[in-house]
N, C-alpha and C. Protein backbone atom coordinates (compact mmCIF):
# COMPACT_ATOMS: atom_id res chain seq x y z
N UNK A 1 -21.71 16.61 -35.09
CA UNK A 1 -20.86 16.16 -36.46
C UNK A 1 -20.14 15.32 -36.30
N UNK A 2 -20.14 14.40 -36.73
CA UNK A 2 -19.14 13.16 -35.99
C UNK A 2 -18.10 13.77 -36.16
N UNK A 3 -16.59 13.44 -36.06
CA UNK A 3 -15.10 13.90 -36.49
C UNK A 3 -14.63 12.74 -37.31
N UNK A 4 -15.13 11.89 -36.70
CA UNK A 4 -14.18 10.94 -37.63
C UNK A 4 -15.39 9.73 -38.34
N UNK A 5 -15.92 10.72 -40.32
CA UNK A 5 -16.53 10.07 -41.56
C UNK A 5 -15.75 9.19 -41.87
N UNK A 6 -15.08 9.21 -42.30
CA UNK A 6 -14.34 7.75 -42.90
C UNK A 6 -12.97 7.01 -41.85
N UNK A 7 -12.89 6.60 -43.03
CA UNK A 7 -11.60 4.96 -42.44
C UNK A 7 -10.48 6.06 -42.09
N UNK A 8 -9.92 6.77 -42.49
CA UNK A 8 -8.22 7.55 -43.04
C UNK A 8 -8.57 8.57 -41.26
N UNK A 9 -9.29 8.87 -40.70
CA UNK A 9 -8.80 9.27 -39.61
C UNK A 9 -9.26 8.62 -38.33
N UNK A 10 -9.99 7.30 -38.13
CA UNK A 10 -10.05 6.07 -38.19
C UNK A 10 -8.68 5.38 -37.37
N UNK A 11 -8.62 5.56 -38.67
CA UNK A 11 -6.79 5.06 -38.79
C UNK A 11 -6.15 5.82 -38.22
N UNK A 12 -5.85 7.15 -38.33
CA UNK A 12 -4.62 7.86 -38.11
C UNK A 12 -5.10 7.63 -36.69
N UNK A 13 -6.03 8.09 -36.03
CA UNK A 13 -6.47 7.66 -34.77
C UNK A 13 -5.63 6.57 -34.07
N UNK A 14 -5.54 5.06 -34.76
CA UNK A 14 -5.35 4.43 -34.18
C UNK A 14 -3.49 3.95 -33.86
N UNK A 15 -3.19 5.02 -35.74
CA UNK A 15 -2.37 5.51 -35.39
C UNK A 15 -1.63 5.93 -33.73
N UNK A 16 -1.91 6.92 -33.65
CA UNK A 16 -1.46 7.83 -32.57
C UNK A 16 -1.75 7.08 -31.50
N UNK A 17 -2.67 6.18 -31.58
CA UNK A 17 -3.50 5.74 -29.83
C UNK A 17 -2.11 4.78 -29.91
N UNK A 18 -1.54 3.66 -31.23
CA UNK A 18 -0.44 2.55 -30.66
C UNK A 18 1.07 3.34 -30.21
N UNK A 19 1.07 4.28 -31.21
CA UNK A 19 2.55 4.83 -31.05
C UNK A 19 2.95 6.14 -29.62
N UNK A 20 1.63 6.40 -29.00
CA UNK A 20 1.43 6.86 -27.42
C UNK A 20 1.59 5.74 -26.15
N UNK A 21 0.44 4.68 -27.11
CA UNK A 21 1.60 3.04 -26.01
C UNK A 21 2.14 3.06 -25.77
N UNK A 22 3.48 2.72 -27.52
CA UNK A 22 4.30 2.37 -27.20
C UNK A 22 5.23 3.16 -26.08
N UNK A 23 5.17 4.54 -26.66
CA UNK A 23 5.93 5.77 -25.88
C UNK A 23 5.36 5.41 -24.53
N UNK A 24 4.81 5.54 -23.65
CA UNK A 24 4.70 4.85 -22.71
C UNK A 24 5.03 3.66 -21.83
N UNK A 25 5.05 2.27 -22.97
CA UNK A 25 5.91 1.82 -22.21
C UNK A 25 7.50 1.72 -22.49
N UNK A 26 7.93 2.29 -23.43
CA UNK A 26 9.41 2.54 -23.16
C UNK A 26 9.39 3.87 -22.74
N UNK A 27 9.29 4.08 -21.52
CA UNK A 27 9.59 5.44 -20.99
C UNK A 27 10.67 5.05 -20.21
N UNK A 28 11.31 6.07 -19.69
CA UNK A 28 12.20 6.25 -18.26
C UNK A 28 11.40 6.08 -17.31
N UNK A 29 12.29 5.05 -17.08
CA UNK A 29 11.78 4.31 -15.32
C UNK A 29 13.07 4.16 -14.70
N UNK A 30 14.23 4.89 -14.88
CA UNK A 30 14.86 5.16 -13.70
C UNK A 30 14.75 6.10 -12.61
N UNK A 31 13.86 6.38 -12.43
CA UNK A 31 13.11 7.01 -11.08
C UNK A 31 12.80 5.90 -10.31
N UNK A 32 13.08 6.16 -8.78
CA UNK A 32 12.72 5.01 -7.72
C UNK A 32 12.13 4.93 -7.47
N UNK A 33 11.06 6.50 -6.66
CA UNK A 33 10.09 6.06 -6.48
C UNK A 33 10.87 6.45 -5.05
N UNK A 34 9.02 6.75 -4.39
CA UNK A 34 9.98 7.73 -2.59
C UNK A 34 10.87 6.61 -1.75
N UNK A 35 11.70 5.90 -1.74
CA UNK A 35 12.09 4.70 -1.40
C UNK A 35 13.70 5.75 -0.10
N UNK A 36 14.12 5.23 0.75
CA UNK A 36 15.07 5.32 1.32
C UNK A 36 16.89 4.67 0.50
N UNK A 37 16.87 4.97 -0.15
CA UNK A 37 18.73 4.67 -0.49
C UNK A 37 20.12 5.12 0.60
N UNK A 38 20.45 3.99 0.84
CA UNK A 38 21.62 4.15 1.81
C UNK A 38 20.95 4.12 3.60
N UNK A 39 21.99 4.29 4.41
CA UNK A 39 21.92 4.35 5.75
C UNK A 39 21.84 5.36 6.40
N UNK A 40 22.01 6.37 5.64
CA UNK A 40 22.47 7.44 6.00
C UNK A 40 21.14 8.15 7.56
N UNK A 41 20.12 8.07 6.32
CA UNK A 41 18.93 9.26 7.47
C UNK A 41 18.54 7.92 8.58
N UNK A 42 19.28 6.78 8.76
CA UNK A 42 18.42 5.53 9.63
C UNK A 42 19.02 5.71 10.90
N UNK A 43 18.05 6.11 11.95
CA UNK A 43 18.20 6.01 13.82
C UNK A 43 18.46 4.13 13.29
N UNK A 44 19.63 3.62 13.71
CA UNK A 44 19.72 2.31 13.48
C UNK A 44 19.29 1.47 14.80
N UNK A 45 20.00 2.79 15.87
CA UNK A 45 19.66 2.68 17.62
C UNK A 45 18.28 2.94 18.35
N UNK A 46 17.12 3.39 17.73
CA UNK A 46 15.71 4.11 17.75
C UNK A 46 15.41 2.59 16.96
N UNK A 47 15.41 2.31 15.78
CA UNK A 47 14.98 1.18 15.29
C UNK A 47 15.15 0.22 15.82
N UNK A 48 16.09 -0.52 16.87
CA UNK A 48 16.22 -1.53 17.17
C UNK A 48 15.36 -1.62 18.22
N UNK A 49 15.45 -0.61 18.80
CA UNK A 49 15.42 -0.26 20.33
C UNK A 49 13.08 -0.41 19.57
N UNK A 50 12.89 0.04 18.59
CA UNK A 50 11.33 -0.28 18.64
C UNK A 50 11.07 -1.71 18.08
N UNK A 51 11.97 -2.21 17.57
CA UNK A 51 11.79 -3.97 17.13
C UNK A 51 11.57 -4.60 18.45
N UNK A 52 12.74 -4.15 19.62
CA UNK A 52 12.40 -5.26 20.63
C UNK A 52 11.32 -4.63 21.47
N UNK A 53 10.95 -3.37 21.41
CA UNK A 53 9.48 -3.03 22.05
C UNK A 53 8.30 -3.98 21.78
N UNK A 54 8.26 -3.79 20.32
CA UNK A 54 7.21 -4.89 19.48
C UNK A 54 7.79 -6.80 19.81
N UNK A 55 8.67 -6.76 19.67
CA UNK A 55 8.41 -8.56 20.40
C UNK A 55 8.21 -8.12 22.28
N UNK A 56 8.97 -7.56 22.67
CA UNK A 56 8.02 -7.97 24.05
C UNK A 56 6.70 -7.68 24.07
N UNK A 57 5.34 -6.49 23.72
CA UNK A 57 4.54 -6.41 23.84
C UNK A 57 3.70 -7.92 22.85
N UNK A 58 4.82 -8.05 21.84
CA UNK A 58 4.20 -9.66 21.37
C UNK A 58 4.22 -10.71 22.25
N UNK A 59 4.99 -11.25 23.52
CA UNK A 59 5.12 -12.04 24.18
C UNK A 59 4.46 -11.61 25.09
N UNK A 60 4.27 -9.83 25.50
CA UNK A 60 3.74 -10.41 26.98
C UNK A 60 1.64 -10.32 26.28
N UNK A 61 1.08 -9.94 25.39
CA UNK A 61 0.01 -10.01 25.06
C UNK A 61 -0.31 -11.92 24.62
N UNK A 62 0.76 -12.48 24.06
CA UNK A 62 0.40 -14.08 24.48
C UNK A 62 0.77 -14.88 25.87
N UNK A 63 1.14 -14.28 26.46
CA UNK A 63 0.83 -14.08 28.23
C UNK A 63 -0.23 -14.38 28.65
N UNK A 64 -0.56 -13.18 28.43
CA UNK A 64 -1.96 -12.67 28.64
C UNK A 64 -3.11 -13.03 27.80
N UNK A 65 -3.53 -13.64 27.34
CA UNK A 65 -4.33 -14.28 25.88
C UNK A 65 -6.16 -13.89 26.68
N UNK A 66 -6.29 -13.59 27.79
CA UNK A 66 -7.86 -13.66 27.83
C UNK A 66 -8.19 -12.50 28.71
N UNK A 67 -7.87 -11.42 28.06
CA UNK A 67 -8.06 -9.87 28.50
C UNK A 67 -9.34 -9.39 27.66
N UNK A 68 -10.04 -8.58 28.94
CA UNK A 68 -11.12 -8.48 28.18
C UNK A 68 -11.14 -7.03 27.71
N UNK A 69 -12.19 -7.92 26.38
CA UNK A 69 -12.05 -5.69 25.45
C UNK A 69 -11.20 -6.88 24.16
N UNK A 70 -10.56 -7.38 24.81
CA UNK A 70 -9.61 -7.94 22.58
C UNK A 70 -9.83 -8.43 22.03
N UNK A 71 -10.70 -9.56 22.46
CA UNK A 71 -11.37 -10.63 21.07
C UNK A 71 -12.50 -9.98 21.04
N UNK A 72 -13.19 -9.02 20.49
CA UNK A 72 -14.62 -9.53 19.99
C UNK A 72 -14.95 -9.39 18.78
N UNK A 73 -15.88 -9.09 18.22
CA UNK A 73 -16.43 -9.06 16.90
C UNK A 73 -17.34 -10.36 15.85
N UNK A 74 -17.45 -9.59 14.50
CA UNK A 74 -18.19 -10.94 13.69
C UNK A 74 -16.84 -12.64 13.86
N UNK A 75 -17.88 -13.12 14.61
CA UNK A 75 -17.32 -14.74 14.31
C UNK A 75 -16.71 -14.93 15.13
N UNK A 76 -16.01 -14.43 16.48
CA UNK A 76 -15.54 -14.47 17.69
C UNK A 76 -17.22 -15.15 18.59
N UNK A 77 -17.82 -14.85 18.38
CA UNK A 77 -19.40 -14.97 19.24
C UNK A 77 -19.49 -14.13 20.76
N UNK A 78 -18.40 -13.09 20.79
CA UNK A 78 -18.76 -12.67 21.78
C UNK A 78 -19.31 -10.82 21.36
N UNK A 79 -19.95 -10.43 22.33
CA UNK A 79 -20.16 -9.01 21.62
C UNK A 79 -19.34 -7.76 22.33
N UNK A 80 -19.39 -6.58 21.19
CA UNK A 80 -18.29 -5.42 21.85
C UNK A 80 -19.06 -4.99 23.09
N UNK A 81 -17.96 -4.93 23.98
CA UNK A 81 -17.22 -4.05 25.16
C UNK A 81 -18.20 -3.10 25.29
N UNK A 82 -18.55 -2.68 26.22
CA UNK A 82 -19.49 -1.59 26.47
C UNK A 82 -18.82 -0.51 27.04
N UNK A 83 -18.53 0.21 26.45
CA UNK A 83 -17.89 1.86 26.24
C UNK A 83 -18.27 2.88 26.87
N UNK A 84 -17.32 3.98 27.68
CA UNK A 84 -18.13 4.43 28.65
C UNK A 84 -17.72 6.01 27.47
N UNK A 85 -18.93 7.36 27.67
CA UNK A 85 -19.21 8.56 26.60
C UNK A 85 -18.84 9.07 27.24
């Protein structure tokens, strides 16, 4: 048995959907999500040490351009290096 036999139920359903859409678009968006607010929870020394370590690793990898096993895969023309099981 169809639920919408005439134009009145279809118009009512469309009105309900439009009201729901308007309510959803105008909803309260004050919740900022899972972000850090302020700097009280951030250990700045640890963050600076980690950033320094990454910069050193990048500088070291730039100096060691030709390390075996680093550059392989599609488009490189090199096969995958053998691994021990």
